[in-house]
Protein backbone atom coordinates (compact mmCIF):
# COMPACT_ATOMS: atom_id res chain seq x y z
CA MET A 1 72.62 217.07 52.35
CA THR A 2 69.82 215.14 50.91
CA PHE A 3 68.67 211.48 51.36
CA ALA A 4 69.14 211.29 47.58
CA GLN A 5 72.60 213.13 47.90
CA ALA A 6 73.34 210.91 51.26
CA LEU A 7 72.51 207.54 49.29
CA ALA A 8 74.74 208.78 46.21
CA ALA A 9 77.94 209.45 48.28
CA LEU A 10 77.27 205.88 50.30
CA GLU A 11 77.09 204.35 46.56
CA ALA A 12 80.45 205.77 45.81
CA ARG A 13 82.15 204.14 48.53
CA ARG A 14 81.07 200.37 47.31
CA GLU A 15 84.17 200.20 45.53
CA THR A 16 86.36 201.43 48.30
CA ARG A 17 89.50 199.19 49.42
CA VAL A 18 88.91 197.43 52.49
CA GLU A 19 91.74 197.61 54.63
CA LEU A 20 91.81 194.90 57.39
CA GLY A 21 92.01 196.20 60.47
CA LEU A 22 90.00 198.44 63.12
CA ASP A 23 92.17 200.87 64.06
CA ARG A 24 90.80 203.20 61.17
CA VAL A 25 87.02 202.90 62.44
CA ARG A 26 88.09 203.44 65.89
CA ALA A 27 90.09 206.79 65.08
CA HIS A 28 86.69 207.83 62.82
CA LEU A 29 84.58 207.37 65.75
CA ALA A 30 86.90 209.27 68.10
CA ARG A 31 86.51 212.28 66.02
CA LEU A 32 82.55 211.69 66.83
CA GLY A 33 83.11 211.68 70.18
CA ASP A 34 82.83 207.71 70.43
CA PRO A 35 79.24 206.78 70.36
CA HIS A 36 79.54 203.12 69.82
CA GLU A 37 80.79 203.65 73.72
CA ARG A 38 78.04 205.44 75.05
CA VAL A 39 75.16 202.49 74.43
CA PRO A 40 75.59 199.18 75.90
CA ALA A 41 75.08 196.70 73.29
CA PHE A 42 74.61 192.71 72.12
CA HIS A 43 76.71 191.72 69.48
CA VAL A 44 76.03 188.87 67.16
CA ALA A 45 77.88 186.68 64.50
CA GLY A 46 77.43 183.67 62.59
CA THR A 47 77.00 182.18 59.04
CA ASN A 48 73.50 182.04 59.56
CA GLY A 49 70.29 182.99 62.24
CA LYS A 50 72.52 186.11 63.26
CA GLY A 51 69.78 188.44 62.04
CA SER A 52 66.73 186.13 63.41
CA THR A 53 68.59 186.12 66.67
CA CYS A 54 69.10 190.18 66.78
CA ALA A 55 65.44 190.67 66.01
CA MET A 56 64.31 188.40 68.79
CA LEU A 57 66.87 190.52 71.21
CA ALA A 58 65.39 193.54 70.21
CA ALA A 59 62.01 192.55 70.30
CA VAL A 60 62.27 190.93 73.81
CA LEU A 61 64.06 193.94 75.09
CA ARG A 62 62.01 196.46 73.94
CA ALA A 63 58.63 194.62 75.17
CA SER A 64 60.68 194.98 78.63
CA GLY A 65 60.11 198.91 78.22
CA ARG A 66 63.73 199.18 76.99
CA ARG A 67 64.63 201.78 73.93
CA VAL A 68 66.63 199.57 71.72
CA GLY A 69 68.64 200.36 68.92
CA LEU A 70 68.89 197.61 66.07
CA TYR A 71 71.74 197.33 63.48
CA VAL A 72 71.40 194.65 60.76
CA SER A 73 72.52 194.28 57.25
CA PRO A 74 71.92 193.82 54.55
CA HIS A 75 68.73 195.60 53.74
CA LEU A 76 66.16 194.05 51.56
CA ALA A 77 64.33 197.13 50.03
CA ASP A 78 65.60 200.31 51.51
CA VAL A 79 68.94 200.92 53.44
CA ARG A 80 67.36 202.53 56.23
CA GLU A 81 65.99 199.02 57.10
CA ARG A 82 69.57 198.34 58.71
CA ILE A 83 69.36 201.49 61.90
CA SER A 84 66.09 201.21 63.53
CA VAL A 85 64.95 202.50 67.24
CA ASN A 86 62.30 200.49 68.83
CA GLY A 87 60.82 198.91 65.42
CA ARG A 88 60.64 202.50 63.50
CA MET A 89 63.71 202.38 60.50
CA ILE A 90 65.77 206.06 60.82
CA SER A 91 63.98 208.61 58.99
CA GLU A 92 65.27 209.91 55.63
CA ARG A 93 66.30 213.46 57.28
CA ALA A 94 68.10 211.59 60.07
CA PHE A 95 69.85 209.17 57.76
CA ALA A 96 70.99 211.81 55.56
CA ARG A 97 72.21 214.16 58.63
CA LEU A 98 74.19 211.10 60.27
CA ILE A 99 75.62 210.39 56.96
CA ALA A 100 76.89 214.10 56.21
CA ARG A 101 78.55 213.71 59.95
CA ALA A 102 80.31 210.47 59.51
CA LEU A 103 81.63 211.72 55.84
CA ALA A 104 82.91 214.74 57.04
CA ALA A 105 84.88 212.82 59.72
CA ASP A 106 86.21 210.52 57.32
CA GLN A 107 89.38 212.63 56.86
CA ASN A 108 91.32 210.63 53.98
CA SER A 109 87.89 209.30 52.53
CA ARG A 110 88.99 205.49 53.51
CA LEU A 111 85.99 204.26 55.06
CA THR A 112 84.12 201.78 53.25
CA TYR A 113 79.94 201.88 52.56
CA PHE A 114 79.59 199.42 55.46
CA GLU A 115 81.80 201.49 57.92
CA LEU A 116 80.06 204.53 57.09
CA LEU A 117 76.64 203.27 57.92
CA THR A 118 78.12 201.45 61.13
CA SER A 119 78.81 204.72 62.34
CA ALA A 120 75.95 206.18 61.44
CA ALA A 121 74.03 203.76 63.76
CA PHE A 122 76.23 204.22 66.47
CA LEU A 123 75.44 208.04 65.87
CA HIS A 124 71.46 207.47 65.73
CA PHE A 125 71.61 205.18 68.64
CA ALA A 126 73.37 207.68 71.05
CA ASP A 127 71.58 210.79 69.67
CA SER A 128 68.26 208.35 70.29
CA GLY A 129 68.84 208.35 73.95
CA CYS A 130 68.72 204.09 73.24
CA GLY A 131 69.10 202.26 76.59
CA VAL A 132 70.53 199.34 74.97
CA ALA A 133 71.50 198.07 71.43
CA VAL A 134 71.87 194.84 69.47
CA LEU A 135 74.38 194.80 66.58
CA GLU A 136 75.05 192.18 63.73
CA THR A 137 78.00 191.67 62.42
CA GLY A 138 78.20 192.35 58.55
CA LEU A 139 81.50 190.05 57.57
CA GLY A 140 82.64 187.31 60.19
CA GLY A 141 83.31 189.24 63.36
CA ARG A 142 86.92 189.85 64.24
CA LEU A 143 87.53 192.47 61.70
CA ASP A 144 84.09 193.53 60.93
CA ALA A 145 83.38 197.50 61.82
CA THR A 146 81.03 196.70 64.64
CA ASN A 147 83.86 195.00 66.38
CA VAL A 148 84.62 198.44 67.92
CA VAL A 149 82.45 197.89 70.90
CA THR A 150 84.82 197.04 73.87
CA ARG A 151 82.65 195.93 76.91
CA PRO A 152 78.90 193.83 75.17
CA LEU A 153 76.79 193.20 77.32
CA ALA A 154 76.96 189.83 75.63
CA THR A 155 78.43 188.49 72.72
CA VAL A 156 76.82 185.54 70.63
CA VAL A 157 78.06 183.43 67.65
CA THR A 158 74.75 181.59 66.15
CA SER A 159 76.37 178.95 63.33
CA VAL A 160 79.64 178.52 61.91
CA ASP A 161 79.36 177.08 58.25
CA TYR A 162 80.73 177.65 54.74
CA ASP A 163 80.11 181.33 53.35
CA HIS A 164 82.46 183.99 52.26
CA GLN A 165 85.55 182.01 52.18
CA GLU A 166 87.54 184.42 50.38
CA PHE A 167 87.42 187.01 53.22
CA LEU A 168 86.95 184.19 56.03
CA GLY A 169 89.07 181.42 55.32
CA ARG A 170 88.90 178.01 53.41
CA THR A 171 88.28 175.70 56.31
CA LEU A 172 85.55 176.06 59.29
CA ALA A 173 88.18 176.01 61.94
CA ARG A 174 89.50 179.54 60.19
CA ILE A 175 85.84 180.75 59.51
CA ALA A 176 84.98 180.17 63.34
CA ALA A 177 87.91 181.78 64.24
CA GLN A 178 86.80 185.08 62.54
CA LYS A 179 83.42 184.62 64.14
CA VAL A 180 85.00 184.04 67.85
CA GLY A 181 86.79 187.55 67.24
CA ILE A 182 83.93 189.36 68.90
CA PHE A 183 83.96 187.63 72.17
CA LYS A 184 85.61 189.93 74.56
CA ALA A 185 87.74 188.87 77.68
CA GLY A 186 85.48 188.74 80.77
CA ARG A 187 82.25 189.17 79.40
CA PRO A 188 79.53 186.41 78.31
CA ALA A 189 80.56 184.86 75.06
CA VAL A 190 77.00 182.49 73.95
CA PHE A 191 77.55 179.79 71.17
CA PRO A 192 76.05 176.30 70.49
CA ASP A 193 77.54 173.10 70.90
CA LEU A 194 79.61 172.82 67.72
CA PRO A 195 82.74 170.88 67.36
CA VAL A 196 84.33 173.46 65.47
CA LEU A 197 83.25 175.97 68.45
CA ARG A 198 84.96 173.71 71.13
CA HIS A 199 88.26 175.53 71.26
CA ALA A 200 86.24 178.85 72.05
CA ARG A 201 85.50 178.33 75.38
CA THR A 202 88.77 179.69 76.42
CA ARG A 203 87.72 182.98 75.26
CA GLY A 204 85.41 185.39 77.23
CA ASP A 205 82.72 184.08 80.04
CA CYS A 206 81.47 180.81 78.03
CA VAL A 207 77.89 179.57 77.92
CA VAL A 208 77.57 176.81 75.79
CA VAL A 209 74.05 176.14 74.47
CA HIS A 210 73.31 172.27 74.17
CA ARG A 211 69.36 172.20 73.06
CA PRO A 212 67.36 174.63 71.02
CA TRP A 213 63.65 175.42 71.92
CA ILE A 214 61.36 172.63 70.06
CA ALA A 215 58.63 173.81 67.89
CA VAL A 216 55.24 171.73 69.43
CA ARG A 217 52.83 173.50 67.36
CA THR A 218 52.71 175.69 63.77
CA ASP A 219 49.83 177.52 61.69
CA TRP A 220 51.83 178.05 58.55
CA ALA A 221 49.01 180.28 57.23
CA ARG A 222 49.64 182.87 59.92
CA GLY A 223 53.12 182.02 59.89
CA GLU A 224 53.51 181.74 63.55
CA GLN A 225 54.86 178.84 65.39
CA VAL A 226 55.01 177.76 69.22
CA LEU A 227 58.28 176.93 71.14
CA ARG A 228 58.77 175.23 74.05
CA SER A 229 62.16 175.91 76.11
CA PRO A 230 63.96 172.92 77.99
CA GLN A 231 62.36 174.25 81.14
CA GLY A 232 58.76 173.48 79.63
CA ARG A 233 57.87 176.91 79.15
CA GLU A 234 55.62 178.07 75.84
CA TYR A 235 56.74 181.00 73.92
CA PRO A 236 54.43 181.97 70.71
CA LEU A 237 57.03 183.23 67.95
CA ALA A 238 55.88 185.20 64.74
CA LEU A 239 58.47 183.57 62.71
CA LEU A 240 58.87 180.07 60.74
CA GLY A 241 61.72 178.40 60.46
CA ALA A 242 63.13 174.80 61.67
CA ARG A 243 66.27 176.84 63.28
CA GLN A 244 63.91 179.45 64.80
CA GLY A 245 64.40 177.25 68.12
CA TRP A 246 67.90 177.19 68.18
CA ASN A 247 67.89 181.36 67.78
CA ALA A 248 65.41 181.96 70.50
CA ALA A 249 67.74 179.80 72.54
CA LEU A 250 70.81 181.25 71.72
CA ALA A 251 68.89 184.84 72.78
CA ARG A 252 67.76 183.82 75.74
CA ALA A 253 70.82 182.64 77.01
CA ALA A 254 72.70 185.42 75.80
CA VAL A 255 70.20 188.37 77.89
CA GLU A 256 70.29 185.81 80.97
CA ALA A 257 74.52 186.02 80.66
CA SER A 258 74.11 189.75 80.57
CA GLY A 259 72.33 190.09 83.80
CA LEU A 260 69.79 192.23 82.28
CA SER A 261 66.30 191.56 84.12
CA ILE A 262 63.50 190.59 81.82
CA PRO A 263 59.93 189.55 82.80
CA GLU A 264 58.25 186.61 81.30
CA SER A 265 55.68 188.32 80.16
CA ALA A 266 58.17 190.50 77.86
CA TRP A 267 59.57 187.24 76.35
CA ARG A 268 55.97 186.03 75.39
CA LYS A 269 55.22 189.77 73.97
CA GLY A 270 58.48 189.99 72.15
CA LEU A 271 58.78 187.13 70.57
CA ALA A 272 55.13 187.02 69.52
CA ALA A 273 55.77 190.63 68.07
CA VAL A 274 59.15 189.75 66.29
CA LYS A 275 59.31 190.86 62.65
CA TRP A 276 62.20 189.53 60.43
CA PRO A 277 61.29 189.41 56.75
CA GLY A 278 62.18 187.56 53.90
CA ARG A 279 63.04 184.44 56.47
CA PHE A 280 60.90 181.84 55.17
CA GLU A 281 57.95 184.72 55.16
CA VAL A 282 54.52 183.28 53.97
CA ARG A 283 52.41 185.89 51.98
CA SER A 284 48.65 184.96 50.75
CA LEU A 285 48.34 186.47 47.24
CA GLY A 286 44.38 185.63 47.11
CA ARG A 287 44.26 181.98 45.39
CA LYS A 288 48.18 181.96 45.52
CA THR A 289 50.99 181.63 48.12
CA LEU A 290 54.34 182.83 48.15
CA ILE A 291 56.91 182.10 50.22
CA VAL A 292 60.24 184.25 50.46
CA ASP A 293 63.47 182.74 51.80
CA GLY A 294 66.79 184.25 51.56
CA ALA A 295 68.46 181.09 51.84
CA HIS A 296 71.93 181.62 49.99
CA ASN A 297 74.58 179.42 51.67
CA PRO A 298 74.46 175.42 52.01
CA GLU A 299 73.64 175.69 55.73
CA ALA A 300 70.83 178.10 55.17
CA THR A 301 69.02 176.11 52.03
CA ARG A 302 69.60 172.86 54.70
CA ALA A 303 67.42 174.42 57.32
CA LEU A 304 65.11 175.61 54.21
CA ALA A 305 64.92 171.89 53.17
CA GLU A 306 63.99 171.24 56.50
CA THR A 307 61.59 173.54 57.03
CA TRP A 308 59.89 173.08 53.56
CA THR A 309 59.68 169.32 54.25
CA ALA A 310 57.65 170.00 57.59
CA SER A 311 55.46 172.47 55.79
CA ALA A 312 51.56 172.66 54.81
CA TRP A 313 53.20 172.77 51.32
CA PHE A 314 55.35 170.10 50.79
CA ASN A 315 53.10 167.71 49.20
CA ARG A 316 51.63 170.19 46.58
CA PRO A 317 53.18 171.14 43.06
CA SER A 318 55.60 174.09 43.76
CA ARG A 319 57.15 176.68 41.65
CA TRP A 320 60.35 177.71 42.50
CA ILE A 321 62.04 180.94 41.46
CA LEU A 322 65.92 181.14 42.34
CA GLY A 323 68.84 183.49 41.73
CA LEU A 324 72.28 183.38 43.23
CA MET A 325 75.32 185.66 43.61
CA ARG A 326 78.20 183.92 41.51
CA ASP A 327 80.36 183.73 44.88
CA LYS A 328 78.50 181.39 46.56
CA ASP A 329 78.76 177.49 46.70
CA LEU A 330 76.83 176.46 43.96
CA ALA A 331 76.47 172.92 43.82
CA GLY A 332 76.51 172.78 47.68
CA VAL A 333 73.57 175.34 47.51
CA LEU A 334 71.28 173.49 45.40
CA ARG A 335 72.02 170.25 46.80
CA PRO A 336 69.23 170.52 49.95
CA ILE A 337 66.67 171.55 47.66
CA ALA A 338 67.15 169.56 44.49
CA PRO A 339 64.54 166.69 45.33
CA PHE A 340 61.80 169.30 45.12
CA LEU A 341 62.52 170.88 42.16
CA ARG A 342 60.12 170.24 39.48
CA ASP A 343 59.37 173.27 37.90
CA VAL A 344 61.99 176.42 38.26
CA VAL A 345 62.49 179.72 37.09
CA VAL A 346 65.89 181.27 37.24
CA VAL A 347 66.19 184.73 37.53
CA ARG A 348 69.03 187.35 38.40
CA PRO A 349 68.92 188.86 41.40
CA PRO A 350 69.75 193.04 41.34
CA SER A 351 72.90 193.03 42.26
CA PRO A 352 76.30 192.98 40.09
CA ARG A 353 77.68 190.01 41.99
CA ALA A 354 74.65 187.99 40.33
CA LEU A 355 75.08 184.88 38.68
CA GLU A 356 74.41 184.54 35.47
CA PRO A 357 70.95 183.01 34.87
CA LEU A 358 71.73 180.34 32.33
CA GLU A 359 75.00 178.95 33.89
CA PHE A 360 72.60 178.43 37.30
CA ALA A 361 70.04 177.10 35.15
CA ALA A 362 72.51 174.66 33.76
CA ALA A 363 73.63 173.57 37.55
CA ILE A 364 70.11 173.31 38.34
CA ARG A 365 69.54 170.60 35.52
CA ARG A 366 72.55 168.74 36.57
CA ALA A 367 71.02 168.97 40.32
CA ALA A 368 67.78 167.74 39.47
CA PRO A 369 67.64 166.17 36.08
CA GLY A 370 63.61 165.89 35.78
CA ALA A 371 63.35 169.68 36.36
CA HIS A 372 61.70 171.86 34.03
CA VAL A 373 64.04 175.44 34.28
CA ALA A 374 63.19 178.36 32.42
CA VAL A 375 64.97 181.75 32.48
CA GLY A 376 62.68 184.66 33.72
CA ARG A 377 63.27 188.24 32.84
CA ASP A 378 63.81 189.55 36.01
CA PRO A 379 62.19 188.78 39.67
CA ALA A 380 59.08 191.11 38.92
CA HIS A 381 58.22 189.32 35.86
CA ALA A 382 58.73 186.06 36.95
CA LEU A 383 56.47 186.61 39.96
CA ALA A 384 53.58 188.44 37.91
CA ALA A 385 53.94 185.50 34.96
CA TRP A 386 53.39 183.04 38.21
CA ARG A 387 50.84 184.89 39.46
CA ARG A 388 48.65 185.61 35.99
CA ASP A 389 48.62 181.83 35.10
CA ALA A 390 46.04 179.86 36.02
CA ALA A 391 47.78 176.63 35.01
CA ALA A 392 51.02 177.42 37.32
CA PRO A 393 51.24 175.61 40.73
CA ALA A 394 49.75 177.38 43.59
CA VAL A 395 52.78 177.82 45.45
CA ALA A 396 55.92 179.40 44.75
CA VAL A 397 59.18 179.85 46.71
CA CYS A 398 61.31 182.83 46.05
CA ALA A 399 64.95 181.89 46.81
CA GLY A 400 68.81 181.82 46.83
CA SER A 401 69.69 185.62 47.98
CA LEU A 402 68.69 188.21 50.37
CA TYR A 403 68.75 190.60 47.48
CA LEU A 404 66.39 188.19 45.69
CA ALA A 405 64.06 188.39 48.60
CA GLY A 406 64.00 191.76 48.65
CA ALA A 407 63.14 192.10 44.94
CA ALA A 408 60.48 190.07 45.54
CA LEU A 409 58.61 191.48 48.51
CA LYS A 410 59.38 195.20 46.61
CA ALA A 411 57.18 193.35 43.74
CA ILE A 412 54.62 192.25 45.71
CA ALA A 413 54.21 195.53 47.39
CA GLN A 414 54.45 197.13 44.18
CA SER A 415 51.11 195.28 43.13
CA GLY A 416 49.69 195.69 45.55
CA ARG A 417 49.56 199.46 45.47
CA ARG A 418 48.52 199.27 41.79
CA ALA A 419 46.16 196.95 42.88
């Protein structure tokens, strides 16, 4: 099987009907030799922050000398981003080989796109001799394909808010129940001190994080901040964002609860080198600055608004290039950022689930009556037009969807190669 054939086979499974329950996935992995049982893992769920927390965990574990597998979703530009070992994403050849193995073991062609990718990730980590893996749930937790791990080093829930209600439930309590479904009896369960998670203290060996690490210095242009732990230690972090202090605190608590020994030098080295694209990512483009953020639900846009308000660009004119999925809380997503919207271009993210731009534009005009709102042809065209226009604001924020974030970063990379 070639890489192109593997991609086509995966795409054909996007429409596979989701069957709730893990028995099917467990049986599939058993036919492959239970690769998920061969590498100890940290397992992370949460409405927001889980990807950043996973990236921090992987970076610190790698800095300590361990061979680390990282499985995340969704990807921004290349599906292989989801599966990496020691910071290197899986090769096209290995990806094709492992997808072929996963397909061959799928006797009734019932596994979904995500389930096949999860199977390939477990195989890759086992075949690569990883000493530890970091797993991000795809959706929810309790019934997520990653939840086949039975003895995690530690489990983490980063946050609970409204998103994917059609799958997870219409109340925070129901959503929280899905997230804490990754907790395992007798294993560390780490989560922030949130009212909706107080009932979770009866699940697993609980570690409640009460305080985030605090940002004491920020270099906005370089995309770095220095965080201070409650113990007074300072750590450079190569990520921006007002909520990263919570993610760092949760990552630290998870490692300590797991019993793994990580020297302070590895914490400093790992956090200073962590990479997690599309989360208040700052790109300097000559005389202009682009900020790319995948915020796509109300909690995420509240965090974006908090970071934007504190940023070096808050008082400067800015253009907001926005796109959204049609299953999102439109009013809830817009409410936190509406006060900043003066110059807006609405585009369609590259997804069949994308919200119609004209509908989104009308909602923005209602939320921000003074805004000038235009509809762009596509993300690449909107970015190119902004960069060419000398009269346009020198700062642009591209937000509303991880699919849009990926398209924006891909367009910037392609324009750089053409330059």
